[in-house]
Amino acid sequence: MSEHARIEFLIERDGLPLATEWVRRTMHIYRRAVLAKGHFARSHPYRHRYIIAYLEFKRWLLTGSTTRPA
């Protein structure tokens, strides 16, 4: 499942403010995981997947979280 689909699900279920909070929190968790020695997210193939997800979250925060109708 793409991160965009997960975010859309959260927006529908919880609303934009809580979905935005979840994205920020998950971004930090994923980043810490990739940088942590001994964490499986640091190894192949997980590292690539975590980094792609992180970048999708970052892109969404810069664009998607602000383009919603009120």
C-alpha atoms as a PDB file:
ATOM      1  CA  MET A   1       0.000   0.000   0.000  1.00  0.00           C
ATOM      2  CA  SER A   2       1.367   3.409  -0.882  1.00  0.00           C
ATOM      3  CA  GLU A   3       1.750   5.993   1.831  1.00  0.00           C
ATOM      4  CA  HIS A   4      -0.676   8.225  -0.035  1.00  0.00           C
ATOM      5  CA  ALA A   5      -3.403   5.594   0.298  1.00  0.00           C
ATOM      6  CA  ARG A   6      -2.676   5.245   4.024  1.00  0.00           C
ATOM      7  CA  ILE A   7      -2.859   9.010   4.486  1.00  0.00           C
ATOM      8  CA  GLU A   8      -6.133   9.237   2.560  1.00  0.00           C
ATOM      9  CA  PHE A   9      -7.595   6.504   4.763  1.00  0.00           C
ATOM     10  CA  LEU A  10      -6.532   8.401   7.898  1.00  0.00           C
ATOM     11  CA  ILE A  11      -7.996  11.666   6.600  1.00  0.00           C
ATOM     12  CA  GLU A  12     -11.321   9.958   5.957  1.00  0.00           C
ATOM     13  CA  ARG A  13     -11.290   8.223   9.337  1.00  0.00           C
ATOM     14  CA  ASP A  14      -9.733  10.849  11.627  1.00  0.00           C
ATOM     15  CA  GLY A  15      -9.706  14.152   9.751  1.00  0.00           C
ATOM     16  CA  LEU A  16      -6.886  16.223   8.291  1.00  0.00           C
ATOM     17  CA  PRO A  17      -5.347  17.540  11.547  1.00  0.00           C
ATOM     18  CA  LEU A  18      -4.896  14.072  13.068  1.00  0.00           C
ATOM     19  CA  ALA A  19      -3.683  12.607   9.786  1.00  0.00           C
ATOM     20  CA  THR A  20      -1.097  15.394   9.541  1.00  0.00           C
ATOM     21  CA  GLU A  21       0.044  14.683  13.092  1.00  0.00           C
ATOM     22  CA  TRP A  22       0.349  10.961  12.263  1.00  0.00           C
ATOM     23  CA  VAL A  23       2.432  11.738   9.164  1.00  0.00           C
ATOM     24  CA  ARG A  24       4.844  13.923  11.149  1.00  0.00           C
ATOM     25  CA  ARG A  25       5.161  11.359  13.925  1.00  0.00           C
ATOM     26  CA  THR A  26       5.654   8.453  11.513  1.00  0.00           C
ATOM     27  CA  MET A  27       8.247  10.405   9.528  1.00  0.00           C
ATOM     28  CA  HIS A  28      10.343  10.841  12.659  1.00  0.00           C
ATOM     29  CA  ILE A  29       9.949   7.178  13.618  1.00  0.00           C
ATOM     30  CA  TYR A  30      11.016   6.005  10.150  1.00  0.00           C
ATOM     31  CA  ARG A  31      14.000   8.365  10.061  1.00  0.00           C
ATOM     32  CA  ARG A  32      15.208   7.237  13.478  1.00  0.00           C
ATOM     33  CA  ALA A  33      14.776   3.602  12.473  1.00  0.00           C
ATOM     34  CA  VAL A  34      16.886   3.977   9.324  1.00  0.00           C
ATOM     35  CA  LEU A  35      19.654   5.742  11.250  1.00  0.00           C
ATOM     36  CA  ALA A  36      19.673   3.399  14.265  1.00  0.00           C
ATOM     37  CA  LYS A  37      22.442   0.843  14.365  1.00  0.00           C
ATOM     38  CA  GLY A  38      21.026  -2.648  14.676  1.00  0.00           C
ATOM     39  CA  HIS A  39      17.520  -1.743  13.509  1.00  0.00           C
ATOM     40  CA  PHE A  40      16.227  -3.883  10.633  1.00  0.00           C
ATOM     41  CA  ALA A  41      15.143  -0.730   8.788  1.00  0.00           C
ATOM     42  CA  ARG A  42      18.801   0.023   8.236  1.00  0.00           C
ATOM     43  CA  SER A  43      19.361  -3.115   6.134  1.00  0.00           C
ATOM     44  CA  HIS A  44      18.465  -4.075   2.595  1.00  0.00           C
ATOM     45  CA  PRO A  45      15.689  -4.075   1.333  1.00  0.00           C
ATOM     46  CA  TYR A  46      13.965  -2.278   4.190  1.00  0.00           C
ATOM     47  CA  ARG A  47      16.167   0.823   4.133  1.00  0.00           C
ATOM     48  CA  HIS A  48      15.051   1.726   0.627  1.00  0.00           C
ATOM     49  CA  ARG A  49      11.378   1.224   1.512  1.00  0.00           C
ATOM     50  CA  TYR A  50      11.627   3.342   4.649  1.00  0.00           C
ATOM     51  CA  ILE A  51      13.411   6.140   2.816  1.00  0.00           C
ATOM     52  CA  ILE A  52      10.833   6.140   0.000  1.00  0.00           C
ATOM     53  CA  ALA A  53       8.006   6.273   2.560  1.00  0.00           C
ATOM     54  CA  TYR A  54       9.765   9.107   4.425  1.00  0.00           C
ATOM     55  CA  LEU A  55      10.072  11.079   1.190  1.00  0.00           C
ATOM     56  CA  GLU A  56       6.402  10.483   0.363  1.00  0.00           C
ATOM     57  CA  PHE A  57       5.447  11.793   3.804  1.00  0.00           C
ATOM     58  CA  LYS A  58       7.679  14.824   3.378  1.00  0.00           C
ATOM     59  CA  ARG A  59       6.209  15.578  -0.056  1.00  0.00           C
ATOM     60  CA  TRP A  60       2.684  15.228   1.306  1.00  0.00           C
ATOM     61  CA  LEU A  61       3.389  17.621   4.164  1.00  0.00           C
ATOM     62  CA  LEU A  62       4.706  20.186   1.678  1.00  0.00           C
ATOM     63  CA  THR A  63       1.794  19.836  -0.758  1.00  0.00           C
ATOM     64  CA  GLY A  64      -1.059  17.502   0.148  1.00  0.00           C
ATOM     65  CA  SER A  65      -1.694  18.672   3.677  1.00  0.00           C
ATOM     66  CA  THR A  66      -2.338  22.212   2.450  1.00  0.00           C
ATOM     67  CA  THR A  67      -4.350  21.576  -0.717  1.00  0.00           C
ATOM     68  CA  ARG A  68      -7.503  20.209   0.917  1.00  0.00           C
ATOM     69  CA  PRO A  69     -10.791  22.061   0.609  1.00  0.00           C
ATOM     70  CA  ALA A  70     -11.986  23.574   3.868  1.00  0.00           C
END
